[in-house]
Each structure stands twice: as C-alpha cells, then as structure tokens.
Amino acid sequence: MTRILQKDSLEVKDSKSIISFATKGGGQWEKWHRFISIDGKPAYEIGNICGTCSFYFERLEGANQSVHPTDLIEQLNDGFAKLDRETIGKIAEIIPNGKYKVLLMTVKPKKVELGTDQDYFANEEIKLWGLDGFWGMPHNPKIPYYRGTDQPIKQDEKVFEFIIPIFPQTWLQPDRVDFYKQQIENGKTPTAICLSVLDIKAPAVWIDDQKPEFPGHWCLAHYILDGHHKMFAATELNKPLNIICFLATEQGINETKEDIETLLDTI
C-alpha cells in the first residue's frame, strides 16, 4: 500500500532543467497531445486533453536517459526518511517550471508484463472503455511498467497508480541492481525521484449502457527520473521503496485543487 510520509508545496521558477512539459495539436485542437520531453525530445506522451478518453502513456525515442541531482546521489542511495527545504530545493533543479505538491512516499511496486492480467491497458481500461475501435487491441505503452496502489477514493471512483521507467529493464546494470538489493536487505530504503501527473478520466457512455464498478479512474502516473535500478531491486525483493514525487498540479486532466487534496488525504 502506498503511504505519504511527508508533503509540501513548491513553485519552480526559472528552471534550467533538461526536462519539460510540452503539447502538440491534433485534428482541430491547437493542444491535444501532452508530452514530457528530455533535452527537447519527446520522451513520453502522457495522454491527451480529453477528459472522457481513456488514460494512456507511451514511451518515445527521447526516453533514453535518467536525470538526477548530482549533489544528492549518496543520500538518495541511503534513502530519505524526511525532507527539508534545502533538499527539496536541490532536487527541484532537475524539475521543470510549474506548481507542485512535493511528496515523500513509500510505495511497494509490482512489475507489470504487458498483455497479462496485471496490465491496466489489457484489463481495467478495456472494461471501462472497450477495445480501441481502430487497432482492435489493448494500448501498448512500449515499455513494461510498475503498479502501486489501487484503491477506492470517493463514490464509485478508484485510484490507479503507475510507476513508469524512462528506460527499460534491458538497460539496467546487474551490479547496480545487486547493490541496491544489498542496501534494502541491510534495512535501508533507497529513494527514487519521480515527476508525477494526475489524470481523472471517465467515459462519456458505458459499454452496453451498463454501469461499471468503477466508472471514474484517477490515474496517478509517476515517471521515474532517477532510481531505475532501485525500483527494479525493490520489486525483485518484494520490498517497499521511498520515492520523492513532484506532482505537477497544473499538468493533469480534470483534476481540481480539491481533488488533489482528496487524493493526498486518501493515500
């Protein structure tokens, strides 16, 4: 179960980060597609602006490097039990401009193999939106990912938590994974850094007019900036991991300030 250990608020201004949020038009819309970019190249499409379309993310060619605050590598390896404003400020140097909720969280990531019963896109998404009418198959995010908590939040709505690597498992170095396994087995909780977005999605109509169990999906997506080896090591050991999450409060779809507070109070 995901737990928030500490929360704060921050506005990042005059950022020199190589990470940015971007949009691109589609059809008659000036802004339709949403992206996280690294060094000016789209790394992930993080969905569109449509509140009744299904949630999705998709790895792109720009997702080819992690980004970390060099001054904090040793502290991140040992793990943070709490954050002070100086530490938040140092990490914020790799974060793009915007308003954020800064969260220190404990997660227990579960590795997802695409197309299995663990895969949101092959299961929960299809149950609510059905198969894509053009492709006739589940969405392919083009990378295995992790899932965190799934839990009801209000009325008939549910939180779905995703932890998404910038680069794939095949790029991981076995010796670094082993190092973090040893850290975890020695009682430490190495800490990863994520850039996060909340999309609240619900279809305009239900399949066969039948109300589903959870017609509203609160999709909380954490994109790993630093900590890929730590995340993989934690899943291998079935152990929790801490993440420092910068939740971008102006980049999500359909979320309000009240919704974000409800989310933080729930998890």
C-alpha atoms as a PDB file:
ATOM      1  CA  MET A   1       0.000   0.000   0.000  1.00  0.00           C
ATOM      2  CA  THR A   2       1.281   3.472  -0.882  1.00  0.00           C
ATOM      3  CA  ARG A   3       1.726   5.847   2.049  1.00  0.00           C
ATOM      4  CA  ILE A   4       2.560   9.549   2.069  1.00  0.00           C
ATOM      5  CA  LEU A   5       5.195  10.242   4.713  1.00  0.00           C
ATOM      6  CA  GLN A   6       5.539  13.972   4.146  1.00  0.00           C
ATOM      7  CA  LYS A   7       4.048  16.597   1.857  1.00  0.00           C
ATOM      8  CA  ASP A   8       4.951  20.131   0.888  1.00  0.00           C
ATOM      9  CA  SER A   9       4.156  22.659  -1.841  1.00  0.00           C
ATOM     10  CA  LEU A  10       6.575  24.272  -4.263  1.00  0.00           C
ATOM     11  CA  GLU A  11       6.575  26.524  -7.295  1.00  0.00           C
ATOM     12  CA  VAL A  12       9.579  26.090  -9.588  1.00  0.00           C
ATOM     13  CA  LYS A  13      10.591  29.226 -11.490  1.00  0.00           C
ATOM     14  CA  ASP A  14      13.453  29.950 -13.893  1.00  0.00           C
ATOM     15  CA  SER A  15      14.230  26.241 -14.187  1.00  0.00           C
ATOM     16  CA  LYS A  16      17.290  25.175 -16.177  1.00  0.00           C
ATOM     17  CA  SER A  17      16.195  21.541 -16.186  1.00  0.00           C
ATOM     18  CA  ILE A  18      16.527  19.491 -19.371  1.00  0.00           C
ATOM     19  CA  ILE A  19      13.044  18.145 -18.594  1.00  0.00           C
ATOM     20  CA  SER A  20       9.952  19.984 -19.802  1.00  0.00           C
ATOM     21  CA  PHE A  21       6.245  19.578 -20.399  1.00  0.00           C
ATOM     22  CA  ALA A  22       5.049  20.113 -23.961  1.00  0.00           C
ATOM     23  CA  THR A  23       1.899  19.871 -26.077  1.00  0.00           C
ATOM     24  CA  LYS A  24       1.102  19.350 -29.758  1.00  0.00           C
ATOM     25  CA  GLY A  25      -2.036  19.906 -31.772  1.00  0.00           C
ATOM     26  CA  GLY A  26      -4.232  17.173 -33.190  1.00  0.00           C
ATOM     27  CA  GLY A  27      -7.227  17.411 -35.535  1.00  0.00           C
ATOM     28  CA  GLN A  28      -8.932  20.739 -34.911  1.00  0.00           C
ATOM     29  CA  TRP A  29      -7.343  21.130 -31.487  1.00  0.00           C
ATOM     30  CA  GLU A  30      -4.422  23.516 -31.045  1.00  0.00           C
ATOM     31  CA  LYS A  31      -3.336  21.474 -27.998  1.00  0.00           C
ATOM     32  CA  TRP A  32      -4.271  17.791 -27.916  1.00  0.00           C
ATOM     33  CA  HIS A  33      -1.240  15.584 -27.230  1.00  0.00           C
ATOM     34  CA  ARG A  34       0.709  16.047 -23.993  1.00  0.00           C
ATOM     35  CA  PHE A  35       4.372  15.149 -23.506  1.00  0.00           C
ATOM     36  CA  ILE A  36       7.265  15.009 -21.095  1.00  0.00           C
ATOM     37  CA  SER A  37      10.424  15.933 -23.011  1.00  0.00           C
ATOM     38  CA  ILE A  38      14.118  15.485 -22.210  1.00  0.00           C
ATOM     39  CA  ASP A  39      16.619  17.764 -23.914  1.00  0.00           C
ATOM     40  CA  GLY A  40      13.845  18.982 -26.193  1.00  0.00           C
ATOM     41  CA  LYS A  41      12.944  15.484 -27.441  1.00  0.00           C
ATOM     42  CA  PRO A  42       9.584  13.913 -26.505  1.00  0.00           C
ATOM     43  CA  ALA A  43      10.323  11.114 -24.018  1.00  0.00           C
ATOM     44  CA  TYR A  44       6.736  10.182 -23.159  1.00  0.00           C
ATOM     45  CA  GLU A  45       3.335  11.000 -24.494  1.00  0.00           C
ATOM     46  CA  ILE A  46       1.328  11.293 -21.301  1.00  0.00           C
ATOM     47  CA  GLY A  47      -2.150  11.304 -22.823  1.00  0.00           C
ATOM     48  CA  ASN A  48      -4.420  13.856 -24.438  1.00  0.00           C
ATOM     49  CA  ILE A  49      -6.582  16.668 -23.101  1.00  0.00           C
ATOM     50  CA  CYS A  50      -9.844  14.718 -23.436  1.00  0.00           C
ATOM     51  CA  GLY A  51     -11.476  14.009 -20.093  1.00  0.00           C
ATOM     52  CA  THR A  52     -13.707  11.242 -21.466  1.00  0.00           C
ATOM     53  CA  CYS A  53     -10.994   9.457 -23.466  1.00  0.00           C
ATOM     54  CA  SER A  54      -9.048   6.608 -21.910  1.00  0.00           C
ATOM     55  CA  PHE A  55      -5.883   7.197 -19.917  1.00  0.00           C
ATOM     56  CA  TYR A  56      -2.605   6.192 -21.524  1.00  0.00           C
ATOM     57  CA  PHE A  57       1.110   6.794 -21.660  1.00  0.00           C
ATOM     58  CA  GLU A  58       3.610   5.775 -24.349  1.00  0.00           C
ATOM     59  CA  ARG A  59       7.391   5.725 -24.358  1.00  0.00           C
ATOM     60  CA  LEU A  60       9.005   7.647 -27.237  1.00  0.00           C
ATOM     61  CA  GLU A  61      12.522   7.892 -28.657  1.00  0.00           C
ATOM     62  CA  GLY A  62      13.549  10.692 -26.296  1.00  0.00           C
ATOM     63  CA  ALA A  63      13.237   8.371 -23.272  1.00  0.00           C
ATOM     64  CA  ASN A  64      16.894   7.417 -23.226  1.00  0.00           C
ATOM     65  CA  GLN A  65      18.465   8.812 -20.040  1.00  0.00           C
ATOM     66  CA  SER A  66      17.796   9.277 -16.363  1.00  0.00           C
ATOM     67  CA  VAL A  67      18.145  12.686 -14.725  1.00  0.00           C
ATOM     68  CA  HIS A  68      19.493  13.104 -11.209  1.00  0.00           C
ATOM     69  CA  PRO A  69      20.723  15.808  -8.810  1.00  0.00           C
ATOM     70  CA  THR A  70      24.461  15.085  -8.617  1.00  0.00           C
ATOM     71  CA  ASP A  71      24.878  16.592  -5.131  1.00  0.00           C
ATOM     72  CA  LEU A  72      22.468  14.106  -3.554  1.00  0.00           C
ATOM     73  CA  ILE A  73      23.484  10.743  -5.027  1.00  0.00           C
ATOM     74  CA  GLU A  74      24.803   9.275  -1.763  1.00  0.00           C
ATOM     75  CA  GLN A  75      21.832  10.493   0.286  1.00  0.00           C
ATOM     76  CA  LEU A  76      19.416   9.062  -2.303  1.00  0.00           C
ATOM     77  CA  ASN A  77      21.255   5.734  -2.195  1.00  0.00           C
ATOM     78  CA  ASP A  78      20.906   5.569   1.592  1.00  0.00           C
ATOM     79  CA  GLY A  79      17.354   6.905   1.477  1.00  0.00           C
ATOM     80  CA  PHE A  80      15.422   9.827   2.925  1.00  0.00           C
ATOM     81  CA  ALA A  81      13.144   9.431   5.938  1.00  0.00           C
ATOM     82  CA  LYS A  82      12.198  13.127   5.790  1.00  0.00           C
ATOM     83  CA  LEU A  83      12.832  16.141   3.587  1.00  0.00           C
ATOM     84  CA  ASP A  84      13.965  19.646   4.451  1.00  0.00           C
ATOM     85  CA  ARG A  85      13.538  22.688   2.253  1.00  0.00           C
ATOM     86  CA  GLU A  86      17.218  22.722   1.252  1.00  0.00           C
ATOM     87  CA  THR A  87      16.987  19.148  -0.060  1.00  0.00           C
ATOM     88  CA  ILE A  88      13.755  19.897  -1.908  1.00  0.00           C
ATOM     89  CA  GLY A  89      15.417  22.927  -3.475  1.00  0.00           C
ATOM     90  CA  LYS A  90      18.376  20.881  -4.711  1.00  0.00           C
ATOM     91  CA  ILE A  91      16.117  18.251  -6.257  1.00  0.00           C
ATOM     92  CA  ALA A  92      13.943  20.959  -7.810  1.00  0.00           C
ATOM     93  CA  GLU A  93      16.917  21.926 -10.001  1.00  0.00           C
ATOM     94  CA  ILE A  94      16.048  18.962 -12.265  1.00  0.00           C
ATOM     95  CA  ILE A  95      12.303  19.759 -12.263  1.00  0.00           C
ATOM     96  CA  PRO A  96      10.613  21.923 -14.948  1.00  0.00           C
ATOM     97  CA  ASN A  97       8.821  25.163 -14.158  1.00  0.00           C
ATOM     98  CA  GLY A  98       5.411  24.850 -12.541  1.00  0.00           C
ATOM     99  CA  LYS A  99       3.473  24.332  -9.329  1.00  0.00           C
ATOM    100  CA  TYR A 100       3.914  21.071  -7.430  1.00  0.00           C
ATOM    101  CA  LYS A 101       2.960  19.051  -4.432  1.00  0.00           C
ATOM    102  CA  VAL A 102       6.223  17.562  -3.205  1.00  0.00           C
ATOM    103  CA  LEU A 103       5.579  14.178  -1.613  1.00  0.00           C
ATOM    104  CA  LEU A 104       7.844  11.745   0.186  1.00  0.00           C
ATOM    105  CA  MET A 105       6.067   8.435  -0.332  1.00  0.00           C
ATOM    106  CA  THR A 106       6.565   4.763   0.383  1.00  0.00           C
ATOM    107  CA  VAL A 107       5.458   2.518  -2.470  1.00  0.00           C
ATOM    108  CA  LYS A 108       5.555  -1.234  -2.998  1.00  0.00           C
ATOM    109  CA  PRO A 109       5.993  -1.520  -6.764  1.00  0.00           C
ATOM    110  CA  LYS A 110       4.690  -4.523  -8.692  1.00  0.00           C
ATOM    111  CA  LYS A 111       6.312  -5.222 -12.052  1.00  0.00           C
ATOM    112  CA  VAL A 112       3.832  -5.486 -14.948  1.00  0.00           C
ATOM    113  CA  GLU A 113       4.274  -7.671 -18.009  1.00  0.00           C
ATOM    114  CA  LEU A 114       2.355  -6.206 -20.934  1.00  0.00           C
ATOM    115  CA  GLY A 115      -0.745  -8.093 -22.015  1.00  0.00           C
ATOM    116  CA  THR A 116      -1.096 -10.057 -18.762  1.00  0.00           C
ATOM    117  CA  ASP A 117      -3.794  -9.798 -16.119  1.00  0.00           C
ATOM    118  CA  GLN A 118      -1.512  -7.294 -14.335  1.00  0.00           C
ATOM    119  CA  ASP A 119      -1.633  -4.865 -17.250  1.00  0.00           C
ATOM    120  CA  TYR A 120      -4.064  -1.962 -16.752  1.00  0.00           C
ATOM    121  CA  PHE A 121      -4.404  -1.456 -20.501  1.00  0.00           C
ATOM    122  CA  ALA A 122      -5.365  -5.096 -21.125  1.00  0.00           C
ATOM    123  CA  ASN A 123      -7.837  -5.212 -18.232  1.00  0.00           C
ATOM    124  CA  GLU A 124      -9.266  -2.234 -16.325  1.00  0.00           C
ATOM    125  CA  GLU A 125      -9.088   0.119 -19.296  1.00  0.00           C
ATOM    126  CA  ILE A 126     -10.903  -2.298 -21.616  1.00  0.00           C
ATOM    127  CA  LYS A 127     -13.598  -2.981 -19.022  1.00  0.00           C
ATOM    128  CA  LEU A 128     -14.399   0.733 -18.912  1.00  0.00           C
ATOM    129  CA  TRP A 129     -13.739   1.969 -22.469  1.00  0.00           C
ATOM    130  CA  GLY A 130     -13.684  -1.241 -24.533  1.00  0.00           C
ATOM    131  CA  LEU A 131     -11.094  -2.092 -27.170  1.00  0.00           C
ATOM    132  CA  ASP A 132      -9.788   0.663 -29.413  1.00  0.00           C
ATOM    133  CA  GLY A 133     -12.059   0.737 -32.438  1.00  0.00           C
ATOM    134  CA  PHE A 134      -9.201   1.262 -34.896  1.00  0.00           C
ATOM    135  CA  TRP A 135      -6.449  -1.016 -33.566  1.00  0.00           C
ATOM    136  CA  GLY A 136      -8.724  -3.652 -32.049  1.00  0.00           C
ATOM    137  CA  MET A 137      -6.205  -4.454 -29.316  1.00  0.00           C
ATOM    138  CA  PRO A 138      -5.110  -3.050 -25.944  1.00  0.00           C
ATOM    139  CA  HIS A 139      -2.945   0.049 -25.826  1.00  0.00           C
ATOM    140  CA  ASN A 140       0.787  -0.709 -25.890  1.00  0.00           C
ATOM    141  CA  PRO A 141       2.819   1.728 -23.743  1.00  0.00           C
ATOM    142  CA  LYS A 142       6.002   0.340 -25.342  1.00  0.00           C
ATOM    143  CA  ILE A 143       7.632  -0.402 -22.012  1.00  0.00           C
ATOM    144  CA  PRO A 144       6.969  -2.702 -19.040  1.00  0.00           C
ATOM    145  CA  TYR A 145       5.999  -0.595 -16.051  1.00  0.00           C
ATOM    146  CA  TYR A 146       5.158  -0.919 -12.355  1.00  0.00           C
ATOM    147  CA  ARG A 147       1.899  -0.558 -10.481  1.00  0.00           C
ATOM    148  CA  GLY A 148       1.449   0.790  -6.991  1.00  0.00           C
ATOM    149  CA  THR A 149      -1.798   1.109  -5.078  1.00  0.00           C
ATOM    150  CA  ASP A 150      -5.309   0.533  -6.456  1.00  0.00           C
ATOM    151  CA  GLN A 151      -7.933   1.793  -4.038  1.00  0.00           C
ATOM    152  CA  PRO A 152     -11.383   3.391  -3.984  1.00  0.00           C
ATOM    153  CA  ILE A 153     -11.319   7.122  -3.437  1.00  0.00           C
ATOM    154  CA  LYS A 154     -14.877   8.502  -3.491  1.00  0.00           C
ATOM    155  CA  GLN A 155     -18.300   7.436  -4.706  1.00  0.00           C
ATOM    156  CA  ASP A 156     -17.669   4.870  -7.473  1.00  0.00           C
ATOM    157  CA  GLU A 157     -14.200   6.113  -8.356  1.00  0.00           C
ATOM    158  CA  LYS A 158     -10.816   4.475  -7.879  1.00  0.00           C
ATOM    159  CA  VAL A 159      -7.137   5.433  -7.817  1.00  0.00           C
ATOM    160  CA  PHE A 160      -4.799   3.558 -10.151  1.00  0.00           C
ATOM    161  CA  GLU A 161      -1.104   4.210  -9.512  1.00  0.00           C
ATOM    162  CA  PHE A 162       1.566   3.734 -12.186  1.00  0.00           C
ATOM    163  CA  ILE A 163       5.355   3.947 -11.803  1.00  0.00           C
ATOM    164  CA  ILE A 164       6.902   4.385 -15.228  1.00  0.00           C
ATOM    165  CA  PRO A 165      10.587   3.964 -16.181  1.00  0.00           C
ATOM    166  CA  ILE A 166      12.279   6.368 -18.557  1.00  0.00           C
ATOM    167  CA  PHE A 167      14.366   3.487 -19.893  1.00  0.00           C
ATOM    168  CA  PRO A 168      13.694  -0.279 -19.978  1.00  0.00           C
ATOM    169  CA  GLN A 169      14.840  -3.177 -17.839  1.00  0.00           C
ATOM    170  CA  THR A 170      17.263  -4.315 -20.565  1.00  0.00           C
ATOM    171  CA  TRP A 171      19.344  -1.179 -19.949  1.00  0.00           C
ATOM    172  CA  LEU A 172      19.810  -1.877 -16.227  1.00  0.00           C
ATOM    173  CA  GLN A 173      23.235  -2.823 -14.919  1.00  0.00           C
ATOM    174  CA  PRO A 174      23.103  -6.063 -12.863  1.00  0.00           C
ATOM    175  CA  ASP A 175      25.808  -4.903 -10.435  1.00  0.00           C
ATOM    176  CA  ARG A 176      23.829  -1.751  -9.588  1.00  0.00           C
ATOM    177  CA  VAL A 177      20.677  -3.792  -9.059  1.00  0.00           C
ATOM    178  CA  ASP A 178      22.632  -6.090  -6.722  1.00  0.00           C
ATOM    179  CA  PHE A 179      23.993  -3.069  -4.843  1.00  0.00           C
ATOM    180  CA  TYR A 180      20.504  -1.789  -4.129  1.00  0.00           C
ATOM    181  CA  LYS A 181      19.266  -5.239  -3.185  1.00  0.00           C
ATOM    182  CA  GLN A 182      22.006  -5.312  -0.568  1.00  0.00           C
ATOM    183  CA  GLN A 183      21.055  -1.826   0.628  1.00  0.00           C
ATOM    184  CA  ILE A 184      17.436  -2.894   1.040  1.00  0.00           C
ATOM    185  CA  GLU A 185      18.327  -6.173   2.750  1.00  0.00           C
ATOM    186  CA  ASN A 186      20.516  -4.185   5.179  1.00  0.00           C
ATOM    187  CA  GLY A 187      17.461  -2.220   6.258  1.00  0.00           C
ATOM    188  CA  LYS A 188      17.933   0.892   4.159  1.00  0.00           C
ATOM    189  CA  THR A 189      15.225   2.370   1.940  1.00  0.00           C
ATOM    190  CA  PRO A 190      16.887   3.868  -1.166  1.00  0.00           C
ATOM    191  CA  THR A 191      14.912   6.759  -2.605  1.00  0.00           C
ATOM    192  CA  ALA A 192      13.918   7.430  -6.220  1.00  0.00           C
ATOM    193  CA  ILE A 193      12.758  10.711  -7.781  1.00  0.00           C
ATOM    194  CA  CYS A 194       9.617  10.947  -9.921  1.00  0.00           C
ATOM    195  CA  LEU A 195       7.765  13.584 -11.915  1.00  0.00           C
ATOM    196  CA  SER A 196       4.068  12.860 -11.461  1.00  0.00           C
ATOM    197  CA  VAL A 197       0.755  13.749 -13.103  1.00  0.00           C
ATOM    198  CA  LEU A 198      -2.836  13.021 -12.054  1.00  0.00           C
ATOM    199  CA  ASP A 199      -5.481  12.478 -14.757  1.00  0.00           C
ATOM    200  CA  ILE A 200      -9.095  11.902 -13.725  1.00  0.00           C
ATOM    201  CA  LYS A 201     -10.862  10.077 -16.551  1.00  0.00           C
ATOM    202  CA  ALA A 202     -14.402   8.806 -17.108  1.00  0.00           C
ATOM    203  CA  PRO A 203     -16.102   7.734 -20.377  1.00  0.00           C
ATOM    204  CA  ALA A 204     -18.996   9.702 -21.826  1.00  0.00           C
ATOM    205  CA  VAL A 205     -21.013   6.474 -22.201  1.00  0.00           C
ATOM    206  CA  TRP A 206     -20.702   2.999 -20.754  1.00  0.00           C
ATOM    207  CA  ILE A 207     -20.383  -0.233 -22.698  1.00  0.00           C
ATOM    208  CA  ASP A 208     -23.907  -1.559 -23.420  1.00  0.00           C
ATOM    209  CA  ASP A 209     -25.178   1.153 -21.067  1.00  0.00           C
ATOM    210  CA  GLN A 210     -24.073  -0.991 -18.146  1.00  0.00           C
ATOM    211  CA  LYS A 211     -22.603   0.983 -15.247  1.00  0.00           C
ATOM    212  CA  PRO A 212     -19.146  -0.432 -14.427  1.00  0.00           C
ATOM    213  CA  GLU A 213     -17.913  -0.993 -10.887  1.00  0.00           C
ATOM    214  CA  PHE A 214     -15.562   1.999 -11.103  1.00  0.00           C
ATOM    215  CA  PRO A 215     -16.723   4.450 -13.808  1.00  0.00           C
ATOM    216  CA  GLY A 216     -14.145   7.053 -12.751  1.00  0.00           C
ATOM    217  CA  HIS A 217     -10.409   6.352 -12.896  1.00  0.00           C
ATOM    218  CA  TRP A 218      -7.959   8.571 -11.007  1.00  0.00           C
ATOM    219  CA  CYS A 219      -4.744   7.711 -12.826  1.00  0.00           C
ATOM    220  CA  LEU A 220      -1.683   8.791 -10.850  1.00  0.00           C
ATOM    221  CA  ALA A 221       1.408   8.378 -13.037  1.00  0.00           C
ATOM    222  CA  HIS A 222       4.934   8.657 -11.591  1.00  0.00           C
ATOM    223  CA  TYR A 223       7.629   8.996 -14.279  1.00  0.00           C
ATOM    224  CA  ILE A 224      10.969   7.865 -12.831  1.00  0.00           C
ATOM    225  CA  LEU A 225      13.667  10.496 -13.312  1.00  0.00           C
ATOM    226  CA  ASP A 226      16.238   8.826 -11.081  1.00  0.00           C
ATOM    227  CA  GLY A 227      16.117   5.429  -9.377  1.00  0.00           C
ATOM    228  CA  HIS A 228      15.513   2.811 -12.070  1.00  0.00           C
ATOM    229  CA  HIS A 229      17.903   0.277 -10.509  1.00  0.00           C
ATOM    230  CA  LYS A 230      16.412   0.906  -7.053  1.00  0.00           C
ATOM    231  CA  MET A 231      12.880   0.356  -8.302  1.00  0.00           C
ATOM    232  CA  PHE A 232      13.782  -2.900 -10.029  1.00  0.00           C
ATOM    233  CA  ALA A 233      15.680  -4.155  -6.957  1.00  0.00           C
ATOM    234  CA  ALA A 234      12.674  -3.448  -4.734  1.00  0.00           C
ATOM    235  CA  THR A 235      10.353  -5.425  -6.997  1.00  0.00           C
ATOM    236  CA  GLU A 236      12.797  -8.337  -7.128  1.00  0.00           C
ATOM    237  CA  LEU A 237      12.766  -8.480  -3.310  1.00  0.00           C
ATOM    238  CA  ASN A 238       9.057  -7.615  -2.972  1.00  0.00           C
ATOM    239  CA  LYS A 239      10.055  -4.771  -0.655  1.00  0.00           C
ATOM    240  CA  PRO A 240       8.905  -1.148  -0.351  1.00  0.00           C
ATOM    241  CA  LEU A 241      10.831   1.796  -1.734  1.00  0.00           C
ATOM    242  CA  ASN A 242      10.653   5.504  -0.995  1.00  0.00           C
ATOM    243  CA  ILE A 243      10.067   7.994  -3.788  1.00  0.00           C
ATOM    244  CA  ILE A 244      10.228  11.765  -3.823  1.00  0.00           C
ATOM    245  CA  CYS A 245       7.329  12.722  -6.042  1.00  0.00           C
ATOM    246  CA  PHE A 246       6.887  16.127  -7.677  1.00  0.00           C
ATOM    247  CA  LEU A 247       3.169  16.081  -8.504  1.00  0.00           C
ATOM    248  CA  ALA A 248       2.541  18.722 -11.185  1.00  0.00           C
ATOM    249  CA  THR A 249      -0.731  20.343 -10.159  1.00  0.00           C
ATOM    250  CA  GLU A 250      -1.223  22.210 -13.469  1.00  0.00           C
ATOM    251  CA  GLN A 251      -0.497  19.375 -15.918  1.00  0.00           C
ATOM    252  CA  GLY A 252      -3.239  16.852 -15.178  1.00  0.00           C
ATOM    253  CA  ILE A 253      -6.674  16.421 -16.744  1.00  0.00           C
ATOM    254  CA  ASN A 254      -9.916  17.163 -14.880  1.00  0.00           C
ATOM    255  CA  GLU A 255      -8.206  17.431 -11.501  1.00  0.00           C
ATOM    256  CA  THR A 256      -9.002  20.361  -9.198  1.00  0.00           C
ATOM    257  CA  LYS A 257      -7.207  21.596  -6.092  1.00  0.00           C
ATOM    258  CA  GLU A 258      -9.878  19.844  -4.047  1.00  0.00           C
ATOM    259  CA  ASP A 259      -9.335  16.591  -5.966  1.00  0.00           C
ATOM    260  CA  ILE A 260      -5.595  16.702  -5.304  1.00  0.00           C
ATOM    261  CA  GLU A 261      -6.199  17.262  -1.594  1.00  0.00           C
ATOM    262  CA  THR A 262      -8.672  14.359  -1.597  1.00  0.00           C
ATOM    263  CA  LEU A 263      -6.046  12.168  -3.254  1.00  0.00           C
ATOM    264  CA  LEU A 264      -3.375  13.121  -0.728  1.00  0.00           C
ATOM    265  CA  ASP A 265      -5.745  12.560   2.197  1.00  0.00           C
ATOM    266  CA  THR A 266      -6.724   9.132   0.810  1.00  0.00           C
ATOM    267  CA  ILE A 267      -3.277   7.652   0.210  1.00  0.00           C
END
